[in-house]
C-alpha cells in the first residue's frame, strides 16, 4: 500500500521580523521563508558556479582544522548506525578546511563519492567575517550562525532542543518534518549513541521497511515536506522531527538555534535521563501515581497548583527567583551525589 504523500510546508515571501514573530512563530508550525537570503553575497556566488562559491568561501577561512564526518561510498550518504545499532556507519576526524573544500570540488562529478560533511561549526570561529556579509535581521544578533557543509549526505529524522532557522546557501535541501506527537510512530533509536546528538528515527524515510516499521505509515499522514534552493530558508519549531537530504554534490547550510526559555533553568533533557533511572522501571501502579503527580504539578495547563497558597509561601510552585533556582540546583547536586 502506498504511503500517504506529505503535505507541503506553508510558504512565505518577503518575511521581516514583524511577520516572523507575530504570525509565523505564533502558529508553531514549520514554514518556508522563500528568498530570505537571496541578496547574500554567498548565495550569489553559489548561483554562479561551484568554483565561484568555493573561491568566495576561501576568503574567510581560518588555518586551524575542522571536524569532518566521513562515510564509505556504500552508505550512499546516509549517516546512520551500523547493523548492530551499537556503533555508527561513519567515522570522524579533523582536516584543514582547504583540503576539505578541494575534496568537495573534486568529488562533484564522482558517481560514488565518500560522504563528507562539516556539521554545526560556529561560523565566527571557522569563517570569521562571513556572518557579517551574510546576515539576517529576523533574530537577535547574539544568535551565533553555524555551518553545515558537505556533499549528498542524508540525516535521519531527529529533533532539536532549540528553535531553528536554517538557510540554504549552496546546493539544494529537502526536509521531511513530523510534529512532536508522532514520536511513537517514528521508531526511535538508542539514546546511548546517536548520529545526530539527539535520538533519531530508524526508518529510512523515503524507502521505509513497513514490515519492520508499520506505524511509520501513520506518521506520514502528519508529515510535511519542503525543498529549498539557494537563498531559501526554513523555520523549524522546537522539538519538531526533521530529516534532511542534501540533493547536490556541494551544499552549504547556515542555521541559527535559539531558545526563548529562561537561561537559568535546568535542562529538561537531564530530567528525562533521570526519569529513565528513577521512574521508568517502577511497578505499573507507582508509575501511574507519579504520572498523576507530574501532570498536576508540571504539565497541567489549565490550572495553577499553587494558586491556593499565599505568594510568599509558594516556593517551587511559584515563579522561581534566581535565589530559589540556586537552592534547587544545590539540592539536586546533593541528591545526585548519592546515585
Protein backbone atom coordinates (compact mmCIF):
# COMPACT_ATOMS: atom_id res chain seq x y z
CA UNK A 1 0.00 0.00 0.00
CA UNK A 2 1.49 3.40 -0.95
CA UNK A 3 2.42 5.81 1.82
CA UNK A 4 0.38 8.98 2.27
CA UNK A 5 2.02 11.89 0.47
CA UNK A 6 3.41 14.53 2.85
CA UNK A 7 1.80 17.94 2.79
CA UNK A 8 3.86 20.92 1.60
CA UNK A 9 5.22 23.20 4.28
CA UNK A 10 3.46 26.55 4.27
CA UNK A 11 5.47 29.17 2.39
CA UNK A 12 6.00 32.88 2.95
CA UNK A 13 7.77 35.56 0.92
CA UNK A 14 9.07 38.96 1.96
CA UNK A 15 9.41 37.88 5.60
CA UNK A 16 10.55 40.55 8.05
CA UNK A 17 10.96 40.29 11.81
CA UNK A 18 7.44 41.52 12.48
CA UNK A 19 5.84 38.90 10.23
CA UNK A 20 8.09 36.20 11.60
CA UNK A 21 7.40 36.91 15.27
CA UNK A 22 3.72 37.81 15.09
CA UNK A 23 2.45 35.32 12.54
CA UNK A 24 4.89 32.54 11.68
CA UNK A 25 6.21 31.70 15.15
CA UNK A 26 2.77 32.26 16.67
CA UNK A 27 1.36 29.37 14.61
CA UNK A 28 4.01 26.99 15.93
CA UNK A 29 4.37 25.09 12.66
CA UNK A 30 7.22 24.82 10.14
CA UNK A 31 7.45 27.49 7.48
CA UNK A 32 9.45 28.04 4.31
CA UNK A 33 10.82 31.58 4.04
CA UNK A 34 11.35 31.88 0.29
CA UNK A 35 14.16 34.16 -0.78
CA UNK A 36 15.04 35.23 2.76
CA UNK A 37 18.78 35.29 1.92
CA UNK A 38 18.55 35.90 -1.81
CA UNK A 39 20.75 39.01 -1.50
CA UNK A 40 23.54 37.29 0.42
CA UNK A 41 26.86 37.52 -1.47
CA UNK A 42 27.49 33.83 -0.71
CA UNK A 43 24.19 32.88 -2.35
CA UNK A 44 25.09 34.94 -5.41
CA UNK A 45 28.42 33.15 -5.70
CA UNK A 46 26.73 29.75 -5.31
CA UNK A 47 24.27 30.56 -8.06
CA UNK A 48 27.16 31.40 -10.40
CA UNK A 49 29.12 28.16 -10.05
CA UNK A 50 30.61 25.78 -7.52
CA UNK A 51 34.07 27.16 -8.25
CA UNK A 52 32.97 30.74 -7.65
CA UNK A 53 31.29 29.68 -4.42
CA UNK A 54 34.38 27.90 -3.11
CA UNK A 55 36.53 30.89 -4.06
CA UNK A 56 34.17 33.07 -2.04
CA UNK A 57 34.38 30.74 0.98
CA UNK A 58 38.18 30.73 0.87
CA UNK A 59 38.19 34.45 1.60
CA UNK A 60 37.10 33.74 5.17
CA UNK A 61 38.85 30.51 6.07
CA UNK A 62 40.95 30.01 9.15
CA UNK A 63 44.03 27.85 9.06
CA UNK A 64 43.09 25.63 12.01
CA UNK A 65 41.47 22.24 11.41
CA UNK A 66 37.76 21.45 11.48
CA UNK A 67 35.91 18.28 12.46
CA UNK A 68 34.83 16.22 9.46
CA UNK A 69 32.50 13.23 9.20
CA UNK A 70 33.45 10.63 6.58
CA UNK A 71 31.42 7.65 5.36
CA UNK A 72 32.24 4.97 2.81
CA UNK A 73 30.56 5.18 -0.63
CA UNK A 74 28.44 2.15 0.34
CA UNK A 75 26.37 4.18 2.83
CA UNK A 76 25.17 6.40 -0.05
CA UNK A 77 25.43 9.48 2.10
CA UNK A 78 23.19 8.18 4.91
CA UNK A 79 24.94 8.87 8.21
CA UNK A 80 23.41 6.21 10.41
CA UNK A 81 24.05 3.27 12.74
CA UNK A 82 25.92 0.10 11.95
CA UNK A 83 23.96 -3.14 11.61
CA UNK A 84 24.05 -3.82 15.37
CA UNK A 85 22.77 -0.35 16.36
CA UNK A 86 25.69 -0.18 18.82
CA UNK A 87 28.03 1.81 16.56
CA UNK A 88 27.92 4.23 13.65
CA UNK A 89 28.44 3.63 9.94
CA UNK A 90 30.82 6.57 9.55
CA UNK A 91 33.96 7.93 11.15
CA UNK A 92 35.18 11.37 12.17
CA UNK A 93 38.47 13.18 12.12
CA UNK A 94 39.97 16.60 11.57
CA UNK A 95 41.14 18.36 8.44
CA UNK A 96 42.28 21.81 7.42
CA UNK A 97 39.38 23.41 5.62
CA UNK A 98 41.24 23.90 2.32
CA UNK A 99 41.65 20.16 1.57
CA UNK A 100 38.00 19.66 2.54
CA UNK A 101 36.91 22.29 0.02
CA UNK A 102 39.20 20.78 -2.61
CA UNK A 103 37.64 17.35 -1.98
CA UNK A 104 34.12 18.70 -2.42
CA UNK A 105 35.01 20.18 -5.80
CA UNK A 106 36.95 17.12 -6.92
CA UNK A 107 34.18 14.70 -5.98
CA UNK A 108 31.36 16.76 -7.53
CA UNK A 109 31.39 14.56 -10.65
CA UNK A 110 32.16 11.29 -8.85
CA UNK A 111 29.10 8.98 -9.02
CA UNK A 112 30.19 7.14 -5.82
CA UNK A 113 31.99 9.59 -3.58
CA UNK A 114 32.80 9.22 0.09
CA UNK A 115 30.18 11.02 2.17
CA UNK A 116 31.87 14.02 3.81
CA UNK A 117 30.44 16.76 5.97
CA UNK A 118 31.29 19.53 8.40
CA UNK A 119 28.44 19.87 10.87
CA UNK A 120 27.39 22.52 13.36
CA UNK A 121 30.59 24.56 13.30
CA UNK A 122 30.24 28.14 14.65
CA UNK A 123 30.83 30.39 11.66
CA UNK A 124 32.66 33.17 13.55
CA UNK A 125 35.26 30.57 14.51
CA UNK A 126 35.53 28.81 11.15
CA UNK A 127 34.94 31.66 8.67
CA UNK A 128 35.15 34.94 10.60
CA UNK A 129 33.59 37.78 8.64
CA UNK A 130 31.19 35.56 6.68
CA UNK A 131 28.48 36.20 9.27
CA UNK A 132 28.76 39.96 8.73
CA UNK A 133 28.47 39.82 4.94
CA UNK A 134 25.68 37.22 5.11
CA UNK A 135 23.28 38.07 7.92
CA UNK A 136 19.59 38.07 8.79
CA UNK A 137 17.71 40.57 10.92
CA UNK A 138 14.97 38.11 11.92
CA UNK A 139 16.84 37.19 15.10
CA UNK A 140 18.86 38.85 17.81
CA UNK A 141 22.44 39.37 16.55
CA UNK A 142 23.76 37.44 19.54
CA UNK A 143 22.43 34.19 17.98
CA UNK A 144 25.52 32.51 16.52
CA UNK A 145 25.17 31.11 12.97
CA UNK A 146 26.51 27.60 12.33
CA UNK A 147 27.66 25.93 9.14
CA UNK A 148 26.74 22.52 7.73
CA UNK A 149 28.73 21.77 4.61
CA UNK A 150 29.19 18.61 2.58
CA UNK A 151 28.07 16.58 -0.39
CA UNK A 152 24.96 14.42 -0.85
CA UNK A 153 24.52 13.43 2.79
CA UNK A 154 21.32 12.28 4.44
CA UNK A 155 20.41 12.93 8.06
CA UNK A 156 17.71 10.81 9.71
CA UNK A 157 14.69 12.47 11.36
CA UNK A 158 15.64 13.91 14.73
CA UNK A 159 14.58 16.84 16.89
CA UNK A 160 16.42 19.90 18.20
CA UNK A 161 16.20 21.24 21.73
CA UNK A 162 16.05 24.72 20.21
CA UNK A 163 14.04 26.68 17.72
CA UNK A 164 15.73 26.80 14.35
CA UNK A 165 16.01 28.94 11.24
CA UNK A 166 18.15 27.41 8.50
CA UNK A 167 19.28 28.98 5.24
CA UNK A 168 20.32 27.09 2.11
CA UNK A 169 23.35 28.96 0.80
CA UNK A 170 24.62 26.49 -1.80
CA UNK A 171 23.07 23.34 -3.25
CA UNK A 172 19.56 22.17 -2.50
CA UNK A 173 17.98 20.56 0.56
CA UNK A 174 14.83 18.54 1.17
CA UNK A 175 13.21 18.50 4.60
CA UNK A 176 10.68 15.94 5.84
CA UNK A 177 9.08 17.08 9.09
CA UNK A 178 6.85 15.48 11.71
CA UNK A 179 5.13 17.09 14.72
CA UNK A 180 6.42 16.15 18.18
CA UNK A 181 3.43 13.91 18.94
CA UNK A 182 4.48 11.47 16.19
CA UNK A 183 7.38 10.16 18.28
CA UNK A 184 5.57 6.84 18.81
CA UNK A 185 5.32 6.25 15.07
CA UNK A 186 8.93 7.05 14.19
CA UNK A 187 10.72 4.10 15.87
CA UNK A 188 13.37 6.00 17.78
CA UNK A 189 16.87 4.56 18.06
CA UNK A 190 19.12 4.20 21.12
CA UNK A 191 19.81 7.13 23.43
CA UNK A 192 23.31 5.97 24.34
CA UNK A 193 24.77 6.55 20.88
CA UNK A 194 23.26 8.59 18.10
CA UNK A 195 24.47 10.12 14.83
CA UNK A 196 22.68 13.42 15.47
CA UNK A 197 23.20 14.36 19.13
CA UNK A 198 19.57 13.65 19.97
CA UNK A 199 17.83 10.31 19.22
CA UNK A 200 16.94 9.61 15.60
CA UNK A 201 14.26 7.67 13.75
CA UNK A 202 15.42 4.28 12.49
CA UNK A 203 13.15 4.48 9.44
CA UNK A 204 14.64 5.10 6.02
CA UNK A 205 12.23 7.95 5.32
CA UNK A 206 11.81 7.62 1.54
CA UNK A 207 12.27 3.84 1.36
CA UNK A 208 10.73 2.53 4.60
CA UNK A 209 10.52 -1.10 5.61
CA UNK A 210 6.86 -1.13 6.62
CA UNK A 211 7.01 -4.76 7.73
CA UNK A 212 9.51 -3.72 10.38
CA UNK A 213 8.12 -0.22 10.99
CA UNK A 214 4.37 -0.40 10.22
CA UNK A 215 3.36 2.65 12.29
CA UNK A 216 5.50 4.88 10.08
CA UNK A 217 2.60 4.94 7.62
CA UNK A 218 0.56 6.72 10.31
CA UNK A 219 3.36 9.26 10.87
CA UNK A 220 3.34 10.08 7.17
CA UNK A 221 -0.27 11.24 7.47
CA UNK A 222 1.08 14.18 9.50
CA UNK A 223 4.33 14.74 7.58
CA UNK A 224 5.27 17.95 5.82
CA UNK A 225 7.86 18.34 3.08
CA UNK A 226 9.84 21.23 1.63
CA UNK A 227 12.61 21.62 -0.94
CA UNK A 228 14.82 24.66 -0.67
CA UNK A 229 17.07 26.36 -3.23
CA UNK A 230 19.91 28.81 -2.54
CA UNK A 231 18.57 31.84 -0.68
CA UNK A 232 15.56 29.99 0.76
CA UNK A 233 15.17 29.37 4.48
CA UNK A 234 13.08 27.18 6.75
CA UNK A 235 11.75 27.72 10.26
CA UNK A 236 11.59 24.55 12.38
CA UNK A 237 9.78 24.95 15.72
CA UNK A 238 11.06 23.43 18.95
CA UNK A 239 11.10 19.61 19.00
CA UNK A 240 9.69 19.08 15.52
CA UNK A 241 11.25 15.99 13.96
CA UNK A 242 13.08 16.67 10.70
CA UNK A 243 15.02 14.52 8.27
CA UNK A 244 17.30 16.34 5.86
CA UNK A 245 18.58 15.26 2.44
CA UNK A 246 21.28 17.28 0.67
CA UNK A 247 20.43 16.99 -3.00
CA UNK A 248 23.52 18.45 -4.69
CA UNK A 249 27.17 17.38 -4.74
CA UNK A 250 28.15 20.58 -2.91
CA UNK A 251 25.98 22.11 -0.19
CA UNK A 252 26.24 24.79 2.48
CA UNK A 253 23.52 25.30 5.05
CA UNK A 254 23.65 28.03 7.70
CA UNK A 255 21.41 27.67 10.72
CA UNK A 256 20.51 29.70 13.79
CA UNK A 257 19.48 27.96 17.02
CA UNK A 258 17.91 29.81 19.91
CA UNK A 259 15.76 29.01 22.93
CA UNK A 260 13.31 31.57 24.38
CA UNK A 261 13.17 29.75 27.74
CA UNK A 262 14.88 31.31 30.75
CA UNK A 263 18.61 30.67 30.52
CA UNK A 264 18.93 29.90 34.23
CA UNK A 265 16.53 26.96 34.17
CA UNK A 266 17.68 23.36 34.16
CA UNK A 267 17.86 21.24 31.03
CA UNK A 268 14.69 19.12 30.56
CA UNK A 269 16.79 16.51 28.75
CA UNK A 270 18.67 15.96 32.02
CA UNK A 271 15.34 15.43 33.74
CA UNK A 272 14.41 12.85 31.11
CA UNK A 273 17.64 10.95 31.76
CA UNK A 274 16.90 10.98 35.49
CA UNK A 275 13.36 9.77 34.79
CA UNK A 276 14.79 6.74 32.97
CA UNK A 277 16.66 5.94 36.17
CA UNK A 278 14.00 6.76 38.74
CA UNK A 279 10.58 6.26 37.10
CA UNK A 280 10.69 4.03 34.04
CA UNK A 281 11.13 0.69 35.85
CA UNK A 282 8.80 1.26 38.79
CA UNK A 283 5.81 -1.08 39.23
CA UNK A 284 2.93 -0.01 36.98
CA UNK A 285 0.76 1.32 39.79
CA UNK A 286 3.59 3.50 41.06
CA UNK A 287 4.33 4.83 37.59
CA UNK A 288 0.67 5.77 37.20
CA UNK A 289 0.65 7.55 40.55
CA UNK A 290 3.76 9.54 39.62
CA UNK A 291 2.25 10.36 36.24
CA UNK A 292 -0.71 11.91 38.06
CA UNK A 293 1.65 13.92 40.25
CA UNK A 294 3.69 15.18 37.28
CA UNK A 295 0.56 16.03 35.30
CA UNK A 296 -0.78 18.04 38.24
CA UNK A 297 2.37 19.92 39.19
CA UNK A 298 4.25 20.19 35.89
CA UNK A 299 2.22 19.54 32.74
CA UNK A 300 -1.38 20.50 33.59
CA UNK A 301 -2.06 23.62 31.50
CA UNK A 302 -5.48 24.59 32.85
CA UNK A 303 -4.72 25.39 36.49
CA UNK A 304 -2.09 26.70 38.86
CA UNK A 305 -1.31 24.08 41.54
CA UNK A 306 -0.02 26.80 43.84
CA UNK A 307 -2.91 29.24 43.41
CA UNK A 308 -4.35 28.46 46.83
CA UNK A 309 -1.10 29.42 48.60
CA UNK A 310 -0.03 32.93 49.62
CA UNK A 311 2.54 34.44 47.28
CA UNK A 312 5.33 34.17 49.83
CA UNK A 313 4.59 30.51 50.58
CA UNK A 314 4.51 29.10 47.03
CA UNK A 315 8.19 28.15 46.90
CA UNK A 316 8.86 25.87 43.91
CA UNK A 317 5.18 26.17 42.90
CA UNK A 318 5.66 29.85 42.08
CA UNK A 319 7.83 31.72 39.60
CA UNK A 320 11.34 30.91 40.84
CA UNK A 321 13.73 33.68 41.76
CA UNK A 322 17.44 33.32 40.98
CA UNK A 323 17.98 32.51 44.66
CA UNK A 324 15.37 29.73 44.58
CA UNK A 325 16.90 28.28 41.43
CA UNK A 326 20.29 28.28 43.15
CA UNK A 327 18.85 26.40 46.14
CA UNK A 328 17.14 23.86 43.87
CA UNK A 329 20.38 23.27 41.98
CA UNK A 330 22.24 22.74 45.25
CA UNK A 331 19.61 20.27 46.43
CA UNK A 332 19.79 18.33 43.19
CA UNK A 333 23.57 18.18 43.35
CA UNK A 334 23.36 16.63 46.81
CA UNK A 335 20.75 14.12 45.65
CA UNK A 336 22.77 13.10 42.61
CA UNK A 337 25.86 12.52 44.72
CA UNK A 338 24.10 9.53 46.29
CA UNK A 339 23.24 7.86 42.97
